[in-house]
Amino acid sequence: MPGPAHATHQTQLSSYSRLVRRVNLTLTTPRAQRERQANLCPSSSDRPEDWERLLEEIEQAEGVALTHRPDGSIHVRWLRTEH
């Protein structure tokens, strides 16, 4: 039977997964795809460590630029990918 650490880890994964899903929905809207940019805002239900982890992962992507705004939102821009 998993111990308390396992339960905590599962909660963190699910909160991060929910955040990733929400951000992916924002980044894949027709407008965001057409303009190759979007604004991301943390939700009051987002865990701060999940938000920081996501931003670190986005920053590592090639051709992506993040601009941190004074209101706490993030402006994301990306280059067109060639197929």
PDB file of N, CA and C in Angstrom:
ATOM      1  N   MET A   1       0.853  -1.186   0.000  1.00  0.00           N
ATOM      2  CA  MET A   1       0.000   0.000   0.000  1.00  0.00           C
ATOM      3  C   MET A   1       0.888   1.235   0.000  1.00  0.00           C
ATOM      4  N   PRO A   2       0.639   2.214  -0.883  1.00  0.00           N
ATOM      5  CA  PRO A   2       1.465   3.410  -0.944  1.00  0.00           C
ATOM      6  C   PRO A   2       1.348   4.240   0.325  1.00  0.00           C
ATOM      7  N   GLY A   3       2.450   4.878   0.692  1.00  0.00           N
ATOM      8  CA  GLY A   3       2.465   5.720   1.878  1.00  0.00           C
ATOM      9  C   GLY A   3       2.053   7.144   1.574  1.00  0.00           C
ATOM     10  N   PRO A   4       2.140   8.040   2.570  1.00  0.00           N
ATOM     11  CA  PRO A   4       1.733   9.437   2.412  1.00  0.00           C
ATOM     12  C   PRO A   4       2.498  10.164   1.301  1.00  0.00           C
ATOM     13  N   ALA A   5       3.776   9.852   1.108  1.00  0.00           N
ATOM     14  CA  ALA A   5       4.554  10.519   0.059  1.00  0.00           C
ATOM     15  C   ALA A   5       3.959  10.227  -1.312  1.00  0.00           C
ATOM     16  N   HIS A   6       3.474   9.001  -1.509  1.00  0.00           N
ATOM     17  CA  HIS A   6       2.863   8.635  -2.790  1.00  0.00           C
ATOM     18  C   HIS A   6       1.598   9.462  -3.036  1.00  0.00           C
ATOM     19  N   ALA A   7       0.782   9.639  -2.023  1.00  0.00           N
ATOM     20  CA  ALA A   7      -0.449  10.415  -2.167  1.00  0.00           C
ATOM     21  C   ALA A   7      -0.134  11.867  -2.501  1.00  0.00           C
ATOM     22  N   THR A   8       0.875  12.452  -1.862  1.00  0.00           N
ATOM     23  CA  THR A   8       1.272  13.830  -2.145  1.00  0.00           C
ATOM     24  C   THR A   8       1.765  13.943  -3.576  1.00  0.00           C
ATOM     25  N   HIS A   9       2.563  12.998  -4.022  1.00  0.00           N
ATOM     26  CA  HIS A   9       3.089  13.022  -5.379  1.00  0.00           C
ATOM     27  C   HIS A   9       1.950  12.960  -6.396  1.00  0.00           C
ATOM     28  N   GLN A  10       0.961  12.131  -6.167  1.00  0.00           N
ATOM     29  CA  GLN A  10      -0.179  12.019  -7.075  1.00  0.00           C
ATOM     30  C   GLN A  10      -0.933  13.344  -7.161  1.00  0.00           C
ATOM     31  N   THR A  11      -1.109  14.038  -6.029  1.00  0.00           N
ATOM     32  CA  THR A  11      -1.801  15.321  -6.012  1.00  0.00           C
ATOM     33  C   THR A  11      -1.026  16.340  -6.821  1.00  0.00           C
ATOM     34  N   GLN A  12       0.296  16.364  -6.664  1.00  0.00           N
ATOM     35  CA  GLN A  12       1.114  17.308  -7.417  1.00  0.00           C
ATOM     36  C   GLN A  12       1.017  17.026  -8.909  1.00  0.00           C
ATOM     37  N   LEU A  13       1.069  15.771  -9.287  1.00  0.00           N
ATOM     38  CA  LEU A  13       0.967  15.429 -10.700  1.00  0.00           C
ATOM     39  C   LEU A  13      -0.374  15.859 -11.271  1.00  0.00           C
ATOM     40  N   SER A  14      -1.436  15.612 -10.562  1.00  0.00           N
ATOM     41  CA  SER A  14      -2.737  15.955 -11.102  1.00  0.00           C
ATOM     42  C   SER A  14      -2.932  17.465 -11.169  1.00  0.00           C
ATOM     43  N   SER A  15      -2.431  18.229 -10.213  1.00  0.00           N
ATOM     44  CA  SER A  15      -2.564  19.684 -10.280  1.00  0.00           C
ATOM     45  C   SER A  15      -1.725  20.230 -11.428  1.00  0.00           C
ATOM     46  N   TYR A  16      -0.540  19.668 -11.635  1.00  0.00           N
ATOM     47  CA  TYR A  16       0.310  20.104 -12.745  1.00  0.00           C
ATOM     48  C   TYR A  16      -0.333  19.707 -14.075  1.00  0.00           C
ATOM     49  N   SER A  17      -0.881  18.524 -14.136  1.00  0.00           N
ATOM     50  CA  SER A  17      -1.548  18.073 -15.366  1.00  0.00           C
ATOM     51  C   SER A  17      -2.720  18.975 -15.714  1.00  0.00           C
ATOM     52  N   ARG A  18      -3.478  19.370 -14.714  1.00  0.00           N
ATOM     53  CA  ARG A  18      -4.603  20.283 -14.965  1.00  0.00           C
ATOM     54  C   ARG A  18      -4.098  21.624 -15.498  1.00  0.00           C
ATOM     55  N   LEU A  19      -3.018  22.129 -14.938  1.00  0.00           N
ATOM     56  CA  LEU A  19      -2.438  23.386 -15.393  1.00  0.00           C
ATOM     57  C   LEU A  19      -1.958  23.258 -16.842  1.00  0.00           C
ATOM     58  N   VAL A  20      -1.251  22.200 -17.149  1.00  0.00           N
ATOM     59  CA  VAL A  20      -0.749  21.987 -18.511  1.00  0.00           C
ATOM     60  C   VAL A  20      -1.915  21.914 -19.492  1.00  0.00           C
ATOM     61  N   ARG A  21      -2.958  21.214 -19.137  1.00  0.00           N
ATOM     62  CA  ARG A  21      -4.127  21.101 -20.015  1.00  0.00           C
ATOM     63  C   ARG A  21      -4.736  22.479 -20.275  1.00  0.00           C
ATOM     64  N   ARG A  22      -4.890  23.273 -19.231  1.00  0.00           N
ATOM     65  CA  ARG A  22      -5.474  24.609 -19.380  1.00  0.00           C
ATOM     66  C   ARG A  22      -4.601  25.489 -20.275  1.00  0.00           C
ATOM     67  N   VAL A  23      -3.300  25.465 -20.061  1.00  0.00           N
ATOM     68  CA  VAL A  23      -2.386  26.276 -20.866  1.00  0.00           C
ATOM     69  C   VAL A  23      -2.370  25.792 -22.314  1.00  0.00           C
ATOM     70  N   ASN A  24      -2.376  24.482 -22.524  1.00  0.00           N
ATOM     71  CA  ASN A  24      -2.414  23.946 -23.886  1.00  0.00           C
ATOM     72  C   ASN A  24      -3.670  24.401 -24.629  1.00  0.00           C
ATOM     73  N   LEU A  25      -4.798  24.438 -23.942  1.00  0.00           N
ATOM     74  CA  LEU A  25      -6.029  24.913 -24.567  1.00  0.00           C
ATOM     75  C   LEU A  25      -5.882  26.368 -25.010  1.00  0.00           C
ATOM     76  N   THR A  26      -5.216  27.172 -24.204  1.00  0.00           N
ATOM     77  CA  THR A  26      -4.983  28.580 -24.549  1.00  0.00           C
ATOM     78  C   THR A  26      -4.047  28.699 -25.747  1.00  0.00           C
ATOM     79  N   LEU A  27      -2.972  27.922 -25.740  1.00  0.00           N
ATOM     80  CA  LEU A  27      -1.959  28.030 -26.793  1.00  0.00           C
ATOM     81  C   LEU A  27      -2.419  27.454 -28.131  1.00  0.00           C
ATOM     82  N   THR A  28      -3.430  26.610 -28.110  1.00  0.00           N
ATOM     83  CA  THR A  28      -3.867  25.973 -29.350  1.00  0.00           C
ATOM     84  C   THR A  28      -5.153  26.574 -29.925  1.00  0.00           C
ATOM     85  N   THR A  29      -5.607  27.696 -29.378  1.00  0.00           N
ATOM     86  CA  THR A  29      -6.772  28.347 -29.970  1.00  0.00           C
ATOM     87  C   THR A  29      -6.410  28.817 -31.377  1.00  0.00           C
ATOM     88  N   PRO A  30      -7.375  28.916 -32.270  1.00  0.00           N
ATOM     89  CA  PRO A  30      -7.070  29.388 -33.620  1.00  0.00           C
ATOM     90  C   PRO A  30      -6.369  30.759 -33.630  1.00  0.00           C
ATOM     91  N   ARG A  31      -6.825  31.659 -32.779  1.00  0.00           N
ATOM     92  CA  ARG A  31      -6.203  32.994 -32.744  1.00  0.00           C
ATOM     93  C   ARG A  31      -4.747  32.921 -32.294  1.00  0.00           C
ATOM     94  N   ALA A  32      -4.470  32.185 -31.222  1.00  0.00           N
ATOM     95  CA  ALA A  32      -3.099  32.051 -30.736  1.00  0.00           C
ATOM     96  C   ALA A  32      -2.212  31.414 -31.799  1.00  0.00           C
ATOM     97  N   GLN A  33      -2.723  30.408 -32.491  1.00  0.00           N
ATOM     98  CA  GLN A  33      -1.945  29.749 -33.526  1.00  0.00           C
ATOM     99  C   GLN A  33      -1.690  30.679 -34.717  1.00  0.00           C
ATOM    100  N   ARG A  34      -2.676  31.443 -35.080  1.00  0.00           N
ATOM    101  CA  ARG A  34      -2.537  32.368 -36.204  1.00  0.00           C
ATOM    102  C   ARG A  34      -1.535  33.475 -35.867  1.00  0.00           C
ATOM    103  N   GLU A  35      -1.635  34.031 -34.654  1.00  0.00           N
ATOM    104  CA  GLU A  35      -0.774  35.143 -34.247  1.00  0.00           C
ATOM    105  C   GLU A  35       0.544  34.680 -33.636  1.00  0.00           C
ATOM    106  N   ARG A  36       0.635  33.382 -33.326  1.00  0.00           N
ATOM    107  CA  ARG A  36       1.818  32.792 -32.683  1.00  0.00           C
ATOM    108  C   ARG A  36       2.171  33.517 -31.385  1.00  0.00           C
ATOM    109  N   GLN A  37       1.139  33.793 -30.604  1.00  0.00           N
ATOM    110  CA  GLN A  37       1.325  34.418 -29.303  1.00  0.00           C
ATOM    111  C   GLN A  37       0.075  34.214 -28.455  1.00  0.00           C
ATOM    112  N   ALA A  38       0.278  34.315 -27.145  1.00  0.00           N
ATOM    113  CA  ALA A  38      -0.845  34.178 -26.217  1.00  0.00           C
ATOM    114  C   ALA A  38      -0.433  34.761 -24.872  1.00  0.00           C
ATOM    115  N   ASN A  39      -1.416  35.098 -24.084  1.00  0.00           N
ATOM    116  CA  ASN A  39      -1.182  35.551 -22.720  1.00  0.00           C
ATOM    117  C   ASN A  39      -1.619  34.450 -21.769  1.00  0.00           C
ATOM    118  N   LEU A  40      -0.766  34.144 -20.822  1.00  0.00           N
ATOM    119  CA  LEU A  40      -1.060  33.132 -19.815  1.00  0.00           C
ATOM    120  C   LEU A  40      -1.165  33.806 -18.462  1.00  0.00           C
ATOM    121  N   CYS A  41      -2.193  33.453 -17.729  1.00  0.00           N
ATOM    122  CA  CYS A  41      -2.394  34.019 -16.394  1.00  0.00           C
ATOM    123  C   CYS A  41      -2.541  32.882 -15.393  1.00  0.00           C
ATOM    124  N   PRO A  42      -1.825  32.983 -14.275  1.00  0.00           N
ATOM    125  CA  PRO A  42      -2.025  31.950 -13.255  1.00  0.00           C
ATOM    126  C   PRO A  42      -3.421  32.077 -12.651  1.00  0.00           C
ATOM    127  N   SER A  43      -4.012  30.952 -12.377  1.00  0.00           N
ATOM    128  CA  SER A  43      -5.317  30.898 -11.728  1.00  0.00           C
ATOM    129  C   SER A  43      -5.098  30.822 -10.217  1.00  0.00           C
ATOM    130  N   SER A  44      -6.072  31.257  -9.470  1.00  0.00           N
ATOM    131  CA  SER A  44      -5.950  31.182  -8.010  1.00  0.00           C
ATOM    132  C   SER A  44      -5.845  29.740  -7.531  1.00  0.00           C
ATOM    133  N   SER A  45      -6.283  28.794  -8.371  1.00  0.00           N
ATOM    134  CA  SER A  45      -6.207  27.383  -7.982  1.00  0.00           C
ATOM    135  C   SER A  45      -4.873  26.739  -8.381  1.00  0.00           C
ATOM    136  N   ASP A  46      -4.040  27.449  -9.131  1.00  0.00           N
ATOM    137  CA  ASP A  46      -2.735  26.902  -9.530  1.00  0.00           C
ATOM    138  C   ASP A  46      -1.774  26.921  -8.355  1.00  0.00           C
ATOM    139  N   ARG A  47      -1.037  25.849  -8.214  1.00  0.00           N
ATOM    140  CA  ARG A  47       0.003  25.801  -7.197  1.00  0.00           C
ATOM    141  C   ARG A  47       1.193  26.591  -7.718  1.00  0.00           C
ATOM    142  N   PRO A  48       1.772  27.482  -6.913  1.00  0.00           N
ATOM    143  CA  PRO A  48       2.908  28.294  -7.376  1.00  0.00           C
ATOM    144  C   PRO A  48       4.053  27.454  -7.933  1.00  0.00           C
ATOM    145  N   GLU A  49       4.322  26.303  -7.327  1.00  0.00           N
ATOM    146  CA  GLU A  49       5.424  25.465  -7.821  1.00  0.00           C
ATOM    147  C   GLU A  49       5.084  24.846  -9.181  1.00  0.00           C
ATOM    148  N   ASP A  50       3.799  24.569  -9.436  1.00  0.00           N
ATOM    149  CA  ASP A  50       3.386  24.065 -10.744  1.00  0.00           C
ATOM    150  C   ASP A  50       3.561  25.148 -11.804  1.00  0.00           C
ATOM    151  N   TRP A  51       3.156  26.371 -11.479  1.00  0.00           N
ATOM    152  CA  TRP A  51       3.268  27.497 -12.400  1.00  0.00           C
ATOM    153  C   TRP A  51       4.741  27.736 -12.762  1.00  0.00           C
ATOM    154  N   GLU A  52       5.620  27.740 -11.760  1.00  0.00           N
ATOM    155  CA  GLU A  52       7.049  27.940 -12.009  1.00  0.00           C
ATOM    156  C   GLU A  52       7.630  26.814 -12.857  1.00  0.00           C
ATOM    157  N   ARG A  53       7.239  25.600 -12.571  1.00  0.00           N
ATOM    158  CA  ARG A  53       7.717  24.445 -13.354  1.00  0.00           C
ATOM    159  C   ARG A  53       7.301  24.573 -14.809  1.00  0.00           C
ATOM    160  N   LEU A  54       6.043  24.946 -15.035  1.00  0.00           N
ATOM    161  CA  LEU A  54       5.550  25.098 -16.395  1.00  0.00           C
ATOM    162  C   LEU A  54       6.315  26.194 -17.135  1.00  0.00           C
ATOM    163  N   LEU A  55       6.533  27.323 -16.494  1.00  0.00           N
ATOM    164  CA  LEU A  55       7.266  28.418 -17.135  1.00  0.00           C
ATOM    165  C   LEU A  55       8.694  28.003 -17.471  1.00  0.00           C
ATOM    166  N   GLU A  56       9.336  27.272 -16.581  1.00  0.00           N
ATOM    167  CA  GLU A  56      10.693  26.778 -16.859  1.00  0.00           C
ATOM    168  C   GLU A  56      10.695  25.863 -18.080  1.00  0.00           C
ATOM    169  N   GLU A  57       9.705  25.009 -18.180  1.00  0.00           N
ATOM    170  CA  GLU A  57       9.629  24.098 -19.325  1.00  0.00           C
ATOM    171  C   GLU A  57       9.350  24.849 -20.621  1.00  0.00           C
ATOM    172  N   ILE A  58       8.480  25.841 -20.572  1.00  0.00           N
ATOM    173  CA  ILE A  58       8.191  26.639 -21.764  1.00  0.00           C
ATOM    174  C   ILE A  58       9.440  27.401 -22.201  1.00  0.00           C
ATOM    175  N   GLU A  59      10.159  27.969 -21.243  1.00  0.00           N
ATOM    176  CA  GLU A  59      11.367  28.737 -21.565  1.00  0.00           C
ATOM    177  C   GLU A  59      12.428  27.884 -22.256  1.00  0.00           C
ATOM    178  N   GLN A  60      12.446  26.594 -21.991  1.00  0.00           N
ATOM    179  CA  GLN A  60      13.434  25.703 -22.587  1.00  0.00           C
ATOM    180  C   GLN A  60      13.109  25.344 -24.039  1.00  0.00           C
ATOM    181  N   ALA A  61      11.888  25.609 -24.467  1.00  0.00           N
ATOM    182  CA  ALA A  61      11.493  25.273 -25.834  1.00  0.00           C
ATOM    183  C   ALA A  61      12.178  26.216 -26.814  1.00  0.00           C
ATOM    184  N   GLU A  62      12.669  25.655 -27.893  1.00  0.00           N
ATOM    185  CA  GLU A  62      13.359  26.441 -28.912  1.00  0.00           C
ATOM    186  C   GLU A  62      12.378  27.355 -29.640  1.00  0.00           C
ATOM    187  N   GLY A  63      12.779  28.607 -29.848  1.00  0.00           N
ATOM    188  CA  GLY A  63      11.961  29.552 -30.599  1.00  0.00           C
ATOM    189  C   GLY A  63      10.824  30.168 -29.807  1.00  0.00           C
ATOM    190  N   VAL A  64      10.859  30.055 -28.486  1.00  0.00           N
ATOM    191  CA  VAL A  64       9.804  30.594 -27.641  1.00  0.00           C
ATOM    192  C   VAL A  64      10.375  31.721 -26.780  1.00  0.00           C
ATOM    193  N   ALA A  65       9.630  32.819 -26.685  1.00  0.00           N
ATOM    194  CA  ALA A  65      10.040  33.944 -25.841  1.00  0.00           C
ATOM    195  C   ALA A  65       8.925  34.240 -24.851  1.00  0.00           C
ATOM    196  N   LEU A  66       9.309  34.416 -23.602  1.00  0.00           N
ATOM    197  CA  LEU A  66       8.354  34.767 -22.546  1.00  0.00           C
ATOM    198  C   LEU A  66       8.636  36.183 -22.065  1.00  0.00           C
ATOM    199  N   THR A  67       7.582  36.947 -21.862  1.00  0.00           N
ATOM    200  CA  THR A  67       7.699  38.271 -21.271  1.00  0.00           C
ATOM    201  C   THR A  67       6.846  38.286 -20.017  1.00  0.00           C
ATOM    202  N   HIS A  68       7.488  38.505 -18.884  1.00  0.00           N
ATOM    203  CA  HIS A  68       6.769  38.575 -17.612  1.00  0.00           C
ATOM    204  C   HIS A  68       6.176  39.975 -17.479  1.00  0.00           C
ATOM    205  N   ARG A  69       4.904  40.035 -17.203  1.00  0.00           N
ATOM    206  CA  ARG A  69       4.204  41.317 -17.082  1.00  0.00           C
ATOM    207  C   ARG A  69       3.988  41.669 -15.613  1.00  0.00           C
ATOM    208  N   PRO A  70       3.868  42.975 -15.323  1.00  0.00           N
ATOM    209  CA  PRO A  70       3.697  43.416 -13.931  1.00  0.00           C
ATOM    210  C   PRO A  70       2.489  42.815 -13.213  1.00  0.00           C
ATOM    211  N   ASP A  71       1.445  42.454 -13.960  1.00  0.00           N
ATOM    212  CA  ASP A  71       0.241  41.893 -13.329  1.00  0.00           C
ATOM    213  C   ASP A  71       0.366  40.408 -13.018  1.00  0.00           C
ATOM    214  N   GLY A  72       1.538  39.819 -13.318  1.00  0.00           N
ATOM    215  CA  GLY A  72       1.756  38.399 -13.045  1.00  0.00           C
ATOM    216  C   GLY A  72       1.481  37.490 -14.227  1.00  0.00           C
ATOM    217  N   SER A  73       0.930  38.056 -15.303  1.00  0.00           N
ATOM    218  CA  SER A  73       0.681  37.249 -16.497  1.00  0.00           C
ATOM    219  C   SER A  73       1.968  37.113 -17.299  1.00  0.00           C
ATOM    220  N   ILE A  74       1.922  36.204 -18.257  1.00  0.00           N
ATOM    221  CA  ILE A  74       3.077  35.928 -19.103  1.00  0.00           C
ATOM    222  C   ILE A  74       2.637  36.031 -20.560  1.00  0.00           C
ATOM    223  N   HIS A  75       3.376  36.810 -21.343  1.00  0.00           N
ATOM    224  CA  HIS A  75       3.120  36.880 -22.783  1.00  0.00           C
ATOM    225  C   HIS A  75       4.077  35.890 -23.439  1.00  0.00           C
ATOM    226  N   VAL A  76       3.523  34.958 -24.203  1.00  0.00           N
ATOM    227  CA  VAL A  76       4.313  33.919 -24.875  1.00  0.00           C
ATOM    228  C   VAL A  76       4.255  34.172 -26.375  1.00  0.00           C
ATOM    229  N   ARG A  77       5.426  34.164 -27.000  1.00  0.00           N
ATOM    230  CA  ARG A  77       5.523  34.273 -28.460  1.00  0.00           C
ATOM    231  C   ARG A  77       6.364  33.115 -28.954  1.00  0.00           C
ATOM    232  N   TRP A  78       6.030  32.610 -30.151  1.00  0.00           N
ATOM    233  CA  TRP A  78       6.828  31.520 -30.708  1.00  0.00           C
ATOM    234  C   TRP A  78       6.966  31.700 -32.207  1.00  0.00           C
ATOM    235  N   LEU A  79       8.039  31.135 -32.734  1.00  0.00           N
ATOM    236  CA  LEU A  79       8.299  31.185 -34.165  1.00  0.00           C
ATOM    237  C   LEU A  79       7.473  30.137 -34.878  1.00  0.00           C
ATOM    238  N   ARG A  80       7.203  30.408 -36.120  1.00  0.00           N
ATOM    239  CA  ARG A  80       6.492  29.436 -36.950  1.00  0.00           C
ATOM    240  C   ARG A  80       7.394  28.225 -37.156  1.00  0.00           C
ATOM    241  N   THR A  81       6.842  27.043 -37.011  1.00  0.00           N
ATOM    242  CA  THR A  81       7.635  25.828 -37.254  1.00  0.00           C
ATOM    243  C   THR A  81       7.470  25.438 -38.711  1.00  0.00           C
ATOM    244  N   GLU A  82       8.567  25.051 -39.307  1.00  0.00           N
ATOM    245  CA  GLU A  82       8.547  24.627 -40.707  1.00  0.00           C
ATOM    246  C   GLU A  82       8.348  23.113 -40.771  1.00  0.00           C
ATOM    247  N   HIS A  83       7.490  22.653 -41.656  1.00  0.00           N
ATOM    248  CA  HIS A  83       7.245  21.211 -41.812  1.00  0.00           C
ATOM    249  C   HIS A  83       7.840  20.732 -43.100  1.00  0.00           C
TER     250      HIS A  83
END
